Amino acid sequence: MLFILKNLAAATSILAGLELEAQTIQQLMRSLVMRESTMYQAILREGRAEGLEQGRTVGERTIVIKQLTRKLGSLSPDVITKVSSLSLEELESLAEALLDFTNVGDLESWLK
């Protein structure tokens, strides 16, 4: 999302540069008026929502890998890569399923 915001700011600045001085554009981009824009607010909301989702996924992934390691012992890099590529929903399912695992084979079967 940060990439999108930077691109949007760059595009806005370039277009504004057709009519305005660089200093004026910089002041506008930092101004309260810009922050009150409905589009600016929508972009911020979307960015926050994406950030929260990514944060939840990273947190869930960390906890699941710790739980798997504690329950099953050392995990291979391949297994860690597969777990790391799971979506939030899949990680939540794995967090429940791992309670029934007795060995790494159970995990590998679940990951297939």
C-alpha atoms as a PDB file:
ATOM      1  CA  MET A   1       0.000   0.000   0.000  1.00  0.00           C
ATOM      2  CA  LEU A   2       2.865   2.357   0.751  1.00  0.00           C
ATOM      3  CA  PHE A   3       3.997   1.840  -2.848  1.00  0.00           C
ATOM      4  CA  ILE A   4       0.554   2.925  -4.099  1.00  0.00           C
ATOM      5  CA  LEU A   5       0.565   5.990  -1.857  1.00  0.00           C
ATOM      6  CA  LYS A   6       4.016   7.002  -3.090  1.00  0.00           C
ATOM      7  CA  ASN A   7       2.965   6.508  -6.702  1.00  0.00           C
ATOM      8  CA  LEU A   8      -0.207   8.521  -6.164  1.00  0.00           C
ATOM      9  CA  ALA A   9       1.729  11.329  -4.485  1.00  0.00           C
ATOM     10  CA  ALA A  10       4.285  11.311  -7.304  1.00  0.00           C
ATOM     11  CA  ALA A  11       1.602  11.408 -10.011  1.00  0.00           C
ATOM     12  CA  THR A  12      -0.231  14.214  -8.223  1.00  0.00           C
ATOM     13  CA  SER A  13       2.984  16.185  -7.855  1.00  0.00           C
ATOM     14  CA  ILE A  14       3.873  15.727 -11.523  1.00  0.00           C
ATOM     15  CA  LEU A  15       0.472  16.921 -12.687  1.00  0.00           C
ATOM     16  CA  ALA A  16       0.489  19.827 -10.257  1.00  0.00           C
ATOM     17  CA  GLY A  17       3.943  20.724 -11.577  1.00  0.00           C
ATOM     18  CA  LEU A  18       2.350  21.746 -14.844  1.00  0.00           C
ATOM     19  CA  GLU A  19       0.838  24.779 -13.118  1.00  0.00           C
ATOM     20  CA  LEU A  20       2.478  25.241  -9.715  1.00  0.00           C
ATOM     21  CA  GLU A  21       5.937  25.843  -8.264  1.00  0.00           C
ATOM     22  CA  ALA A  22       7.684  22.953  -6.467  1.00  0.00           C
ATOM     23  CA  GLN A  23       7.468  24.691  -3.081  1.00  0.00           C
ATOM     24  CA  THR A  24       3.721  25.239  -3.477  1.00  0.00           C
ATOM     25  CA  ILE A  25       3.214  21.578  -4.376  1.00  0.00           C
ATOM     26  CA  GLN A  26       5.178  20.462  -1.314  1.00  0.00           C
ATOM     27  CA  GLN A  27       3.064  22.699   0.920  1.00  0.00           C
ATOM     28  CA  LEU A  28      -0.166  21.368  -0.612  1.00  0.00           C
ATOM     29  CA  MET A  29       0.861  17.739  -0.233  1.00  0.00           C
ATOM     30  CA  ARG A  30       1.496  18.310   3.480  1.00  0.00           C
ATOM     31  CA  SER A  31      -1.479  20.569   4.076  1.00  0.00           C
ATOM     32  CA  LEU A  32      -4.571  19.919   6.142  1.00  0.00           C
ATOM     33  CA  VAL A  33      -6.687  20.455   3.015  1.00  0.00           C
ATOM     34  CA  MET A  34      -5.092  17.427   1.373  1.00  0.00           C
ATOM     35  CA  ARG A  35      -5.640  15.334   4.490  1.00  0.00           C
ATOM     36  CA  GLU A  36      -9.327  16.301   4.513  1.00  0.00           C
ATOM     37  CA  SER A  37      -9.775  15.040   0.948  1.00  0.00           C
ATOM     38  CA  THR A  38     -12.183  12.104   0.742  1.00  0.00           C
ATOM     39  CA  MET A  39      -9.820  10.273  -1.617  1.00  0.00           C
ATOM     40  CA  TYR A  40      -6.871  10.820   0.722  1.00  0.00           C
ATOM     41  CA  GLN A  41      -8.944   9.468   3.624  1.00  0.00           C
ATOM     42  CA  ALA A  42     -10.081   6.463   1.581  1.00  0.00           C
ATOM     43  CA  ILE A  43      -6.483   5.627   0.667  1.00  0.00           C
ATOM     44  CA  LEU A  44      -5.448   5.895   4.318  1.00  0.00           C
ATOM     45  CA  ARG A  45      -8.313   3.623   5.442  1.00  0.00           C
ATOM     46  CA  GLU A  46      -7.418   1.057   2.797  1.00  0.00           C
ATOM     47  CA  GLY A  47      -3.753   1.207   3.764  1.00  0.00           C
ATOM     48  CA  ARG A  48      -4.551   0.763   7.443  1.00  0.00           C
ATOM     49  CA  ALA A  49      -6.836  -2.196   6.730  1.00  0.00           C
ATOM     50  CA  GLU A  50      -4.159  -3.866   4.603  1.00  0.00           C
ATOM     51  CA  GLY A  51      -1.545  -3.197   7.280  1.00  0.00           C
ATOM     52  CA  LEU A  52      -3.729  -4.717   9.984  1.00  0.00           C
ATOM     53  CA  GLU A  53      -4.366  -7.800   7.849  1.00  0.00           C
ATOM     54  CA  GLN A  54      -0.656  -8.216   7.140  1.00  0.00           C
ATOM     55  CA  GLY A  55       0.143  -7.760  10.829  1.00  0.00           C
ATOM     56  CA  ARG A  56      -2.400 -10.408  11.821  1.00  0.00           C
ATOM     57  CA  THR A  57      -0.978 -12.819   9.254  1.00  0.00           C
ATOM     58  CA  VAL A  58       2.615 -12.301  10.420  1.00  0.00           C
ATOM     59  CA  GLY A  59       1.579 -12.722  14.060  1.00  0.00           C
ATOM     60  CA  GLU A  60      -0.443 -15.851  13.370  1.00  0.00           C
ATOM     61  CA  ARG A  61       2.392 -17.311  11.287  1.00  0.00           C
ATOM     62  CA  THR A  62       4.909 -16.686  14.078  1.00  0.00           C
ATOM     63  CA  ILE A  63       2.718 -18.289  16.715  1.00  0.00           C
ATOM     64  CA  VAL A  64       1.854 -21.316  14.562  1.00  0.00           C
ATOM     65  CA  ILE A  65       5.511 -21.979  13.729  1.00  0.00           C
ATOM     66  CA  LYS A  66       6.425 -21.701  17.431  1.00  0.00           C
ATOM     67  CA  GLN A  67       3.607 -24.084  18.378  1.00  0.00           C
ATOM     68  CA  LEU A  68       4.591 -26.566  15.674  1.00  0.00           C
ATOM     69  CA  THR A  69       8.236 -26.463  16.742  1.00  0.00           C
ATOM     70  CA  ARG A  70       7.321 -26.985  20.369  1.00  0.00           C
ATOM     71  CA  LYS A  71       4.971 -29.866  19.575  1.00  0.00           C
ATOM     72  CA  LEU A  72       6.922 -31.608  16.802  1.00  0.00           C
ATOM     73  CA  GLY A  73      10.519 -30.477  17.273  1.00  0.00           C
ATOM     74  CA  SER A  74      12.750 -28.922  14.654  1.00  0.00           C
ATOM     75  CA  LEU A  75      11.048 -28.221  11.320  1.00  0.00           C
ATOM     76  CA  SER A  76      12.739 -28.446   7.936  1.00  0.00           C
ATOM     77  CA  PRO A  77      13.219 -25.247   5.929  1.00  0.00           C
ATOM     78  CA  ASP A  78      10.812 -26.667   3.327  1.00  0.00           C
ATOM     79  CA  VAL A  79       8.047 -27.111   5.911  1.00  0.00           C
ATOM     80  CA  ILE A  80       8.669 -23.620   7.321  1.00  0.00           C
ATOM     81  CA  THR A  81       8.460 -22.193   3.787  1.00  0.00           C
ATOM     82  CA  LYS A  82       5.151 -23.970   3.161  1.00  0.00           C
ATOM     83  CA  VAL A  83       3.685 -22.766   6.471  1.00  0.00           C
ATOM     84  CA  SER A  84       4.946 -19.237   5.780  1.00  0.00           C
ATOM     85  CA  SER A  85       3.107 -19.158   2.447  1.00  0.00           C
ATOM     86  CA  LEU A  86      -0.295 -19.933   3.993  1.00  0.00           C
ATOM     87  CA  SER A  87      -3.070 -17.337   4.073  1.00  0.00           C
ATOM     88  CA  LEU A  88      -4.477 -16.060   7.363  1.00  0.00           C
ATOM     89  CA  GLU A  89      -7.460 -18.398   7.078  1.00  0.00           C
ATOM     90  CA  GLU A  90      -5.217 -21.381   6.383  1.00  0.00           C
ATOM     91  CA  LEU A  91      -2.979 -20.473   9.329  1.00  0.00           C
ATOM     92  CA  GLU A  92      -6.033 -20.333  11.595  1.00  0.00           C
ATOM     93  CA  SER A  93      -7.083 -23.810  10.388  1.00  0.00           C
ATOM     94  CA  LEU A  94      -3.559 -25.114  10.943  1.00  0.00           C
ATOM     95  CA  ALA A  95      -3.525 -23.644  14.465  1.00  0.00           C
ATOM     96  CA  GLU A  96      -6.521 -25.842  15.287  1.00  0.00           C
ATOM     97  CA  ALA A  97      -5.346 -28.913  13.379  1.00  0.00           C
ATOM     98  CA  LEU A  98      -1.885 -28.955  14.967  1.00  0.00           C
ATOM     99  CA  LEU A  99      -3.459 -29.865  18.303  1.00  0.00           C
ATOM    100  CA  ASP A 100      -4.063 -33.351  16.881  1.00  0.00           C
ATOM    101  CA  PHE A 101      -0.630 -33.800  15.246  1.00  0.00           C
ATOM    102  CA  THR A 102       1.669 -36.432  16.740  1.00  0.00           C
ATOM    103  CA  ASN A 103       4.569 -36.164  14.285  1.00  0.00           C
ATOM    104  CA  VAL A 104       5.924 -34.110  11.380  1.00  0.00           C
ATOM    105  CA  GLY A 105       4.239 -36.520   8.952  1.00  0.00           C
ATOM    106  CA  ASP A 106       0.851 -35.313  10.191  1.00  0.00           C
ATOM    107  CA  LEU A 107       1.887 -31.741   9.413  1.00  0.00           C
ATOM    108  CA  GLU A 108       3.242 -32.661   5.989  1.00  0.00           C
ATOM    109  CA  SER A 109      -0.001 -34.484   5.167  1.00  0.00           C
ATOM    110  CA  TRP A 110      -2.023 -31.457   6.264  1.00  0.00           C
ATOM    111  CA  LEU A 111       0.093 -29.158   4.085  1.00  0.00           C
ATOM    112  CA  LYS A 112      -0.581 -31.198   0.905  1.00  0.00           C
END
